[in-house]
């Protein structure tokens, strides 16, 4: 995975995921996905008068198959995290 933070909150990323199958109907097959995505990170969650360091991070990515026989293609990934 490769990530780079700019403007303090934007974090674009690029991930590669490789699966090698052994035994069964898919024995010997290879499945690979490249996943470009974007995170918006460290958005504060505290209200007035609160000194809590909690924040939220939101992200979205799209898994794109790069192998010949993928089980799916163009899978959308949405993610949210609470940072504390």
C-alpha atoms as a PDB file:
ATOM      1  CA  UNK A   1       0.000   0.000   0.000  1.00  0.00           C
ATOM      2  CA  UNK A   2       1.200   3.476  -0.829  1.00  0.00           C
ATOM      3  CA  UNK A   3      -0.241   6.554   0.896  1.00  0.00           C
ATOM      4  CA  UNK A   4       0.576  10.257   0.748  1.00  0.00           C
ATOM      5  CA  UNK A   5      -0.960  12.974   2.943  1.00  0.00           C
ATOM      6  CA  UNK A   6      -1.486  16.477   1.598  1.00  0.00           C
ATOM      7  CA  UNK A   7      -3.331  19.535   2.889  1.00  0.00           C
ATOM      8  CA  UNK A   8      -3.448  17.850   6.332  1.00  0.00           C
ATOM      9  CA  UNK A   9      -6.656  15.877   5.686  1.00  0.00           C
ATOM     10  CA  UNK A  10      -6.500  14.300   2.200  1.00  0.00           C
ATOM     11  CA  UNK A  11      -4.814  10.897   1.937  1.00  0.00           C
ATOM     12  CA  UNK A  12      -4.822   9.238  -1.501  1.00  0.00           C
ATOM     13  CA  UNK A  13      -3.747   5.582  -1.481  1.00  0.00           C
ATOM     14  CA  UNK A  14      -2.982   2.752  -3.868  1.00  0.00           C
ATOM     15  CA  UNK A  15      -3.143  -0.886  -2.766  1.00  0.00           C
ATOM     16  CA  UNK A  16      -2.409  -4.182  -4.526  1.00  0.00           C
ATOM     17  CA  UNK A  17      -4.051  -7.445  -3.417  1.00  0.00           C
ATOM     18  CA  UNK A  18      -2.969 -10.838  -4.813  1.00  0.00           C
ATOM     19  CA  UNK A  19      -4.663 -14.169  -4.061  1.00  0.00           C
ATOM     20  CA  UNK A  20      -3.204 -17.537  -5.093  1.00  0.00           C
ATOM     21  CA  UNK A  21      -5.685 -20.439  -4.992  1.00  0.00           C
ATOM     22  CA  UNK A  22      -4.661 -23.937  -3.940  1.00  0.00           C
ATOM     23  CA  UNK A  23      -6.837 -27.067  -4.216  1.00  0.00           C
ATOM     24  CA  UNK A  24     -10.513 -27.186  -5.112  1.00  0.00           C
ATOM     25  CA  UNK A  25     -12.151 -25.890  -8.291  1.00  0.00           C
ATOM     26  CA  UNK A  26      -9.892 -22.825  -8.461  1.00  0.00           C
ATOM     27  CA  UNK A  27      -6.595 -24.676  -7.953  1.00  0.00           C
ATOM     28  CA  UNK A  28      -3.721 -22.838  -9.616  1.00  0.00           C
ATOM     29  CA  UNK A  29      -5.679 -19.671 -10.433  1.00  0.00           C
ATOM     30  CA  UNK A  30      -4.431 -16.207  -9.546  1.00  0.00           C
ATOM     31  CA  UNK A  31      -6.613 -13.221  -8.717  1.00  0.00           C
ATOM     32  CA  UNK A  32      -5.205  -9.685  -8.472  1.00  0.00           C
ATOM     33  CA  UNK A  33      -6.843  -6.362  -7.623  1.00  0.00           C
ATOM     34  CA  UNK A  34      -5.492  -2.821  -7.689  1.00  0.00           C
ATOM     35  CA  UNK A  35      -7.383  -0.493  -5.350  1.00  0.00           C
ATOM     36  CA  UNK A  36      -7.051   3.290  -5.711  1.00  0.00           C
ATOM     37  CA  UNK A  37      -8.765   5.250  -2.941  1.00  0.00           C
ATOM     38  CA  UNK A  38      -9.054   8.540  -1.080  1.00  0.00           C
ATOM     39  CA  UNK A  39      -9.306   9.170   2.683  1.00  0.00           C
ATOM     40  CA  UNK A  40     -10.452  12.337   4.395  1.00  0.00           C
ATOM     41  CA  UNK A  41      -8.766  12.037   7.765  1.00  0.00           C
ATOM     42  CA  UNK A  42      -8.707  13.635  11.209  1.00  0.00           C
ATOM     43  CA  UNK A  43     -11.966  15.595  11.117  1.00  0.00           C
ATOM     44  CA  UNK A  44     -12.558  16.624  14.762  1.00  0.00           C
ATOM     45  CA  UNK A  45     -15.643  15.251  16.588  1.00  0.00           C
ATOM     46  CA  UNK A  46     -15.574  17.401  19.714  1.00  0.00           C
ATOM     47  CA  UNK A  47     -18.198  20.005  20.562  1.00  0.00           C
ATOM     48  CA  UNK A  48     -17.937  23.286  22.396  1.00  0.00           C
ATOM     49  CA  UNK A  49     -16.041  23.087  25.659  1.00  0.00           C
ATOM     50  CA  UNK A  50     -14.859  19.544  24.991  1.00  0.00           C
ATOM     51  CA  UNK A  51     -11.172  18.731  25.103  1.00  0.00           C
ATOM     52  CA  UNK A  52     -11.630  15.204  23.708  1.00  0.00           C
ATOM     53  CA  UNK A  53      -9.087  14.327  20.992  1.00  0.00           C
ATOM     54  CA  UNK A  54     -11.590  12.198  19.040  1.00  0.00           C
ATOM     55  CA  UNK A  55     -11.791  12.549  15.268  1.00  0.00           C
ATOM     56  CA  UNK A  56     -13.319  10.739  12.315  1.00  0.00           C
ATOM     57  CA  UNK A  57     -11.789   9.441   9.066  1.00  0.00           C
ATOM     58  CA  UNK A  58     -13.872   8.639   5.970  1.00  0.00           C
ATOM     59  CA  UNK A  59     -12.654   6.811   2.894  1.00  0.00           C
ATOM     60  CA  UNK A  60     -13.725   5.366  -0.425  1.00  0.00           C
ATOM     61  CA  UNK A  61     -11.937   3.097  -2.898  1.00  0.00           C
ATOM     62  CA  UNK A  62     -12.645   0.979  -5.970  1.00  0.00           C
ATOM     63  CA  UNK A  63     -11.193  -2.531  -6.417  1.00  0.00           C
ATOM     64  CA  UNK A  64     -10.273  -3.068 -10.065  1.00  0.00           C
ATOM     65  CA  UNK A  65      -9.453  -6.599 -11.216  1.00  0.00           C
ATOM     66  CA  UNK A  66      -6.205  -6.949 -13.165  1.00  0.00           C
ATOM     67  CA  UNK A  67      -6.236 -10.751 -13.548  1.00  0.00           C
ATOM     68  CA  UNK A  68      -7.902 -12.798 -16.287  1.00  0.00           C
ATOM     69  CA  UNK A  69     -10.556 -14.623 -14.230  1.00  0.00           C
ATOM     70  CA  UNK A  70     -11.622 -12.457 -11.272  1.00  0.00           C
ATOM     71  CA  UNK A  71     -14.553 -13.442  -9.055  1.00  0.00           C
ATOM     72  CA  UNK A  72     -15.796  -9.833  -9.302  1.00  0.00           C
ATOM     73  CA  UNK A  73     -14.690  -6.460 -10.681  1.00  0.00           C
ATOM     74  CA  UNK A  74     -15.141  -2.801  -9.739  1.00  0.00           C
ATOM     75  CA  UNK A  75     -16.028  -3.415  -6.090  1.00  0.00           C
ATOM     76  CA  UNK A  76     -16.794  -0.180  -4.223  1.00  0.00           C
ATOM     77  CA  UNK A  77     -15.365   0.077  -0.694  1.00  0.00           C
ATOM     78  CA  UNK A  78     -16.641   2.655   1.796  1.00  0.00           C
ATOM     79  CA  UNK A  79     -15.060   2.956   5.231  1.00  0.00           C
ATOM     80  CA  UNK A  80     -15.390   5.096   8.331  1.00  0.00           C
ATOM     81  CA  UNK A  81     -13.222   5.142  11.446  1.00  0.00           C
ATOM     82  CA  UNK A  82     -13.350   6.888  14.785  1.00  0.00           C
ATOM     83  CA  UNK A  83      -9.881   7.961  15.909  1.00  0.00           C
ATOM     84  CA  UNK A  84      -9.117   8.401  19.603  1.00  0.00           C
END
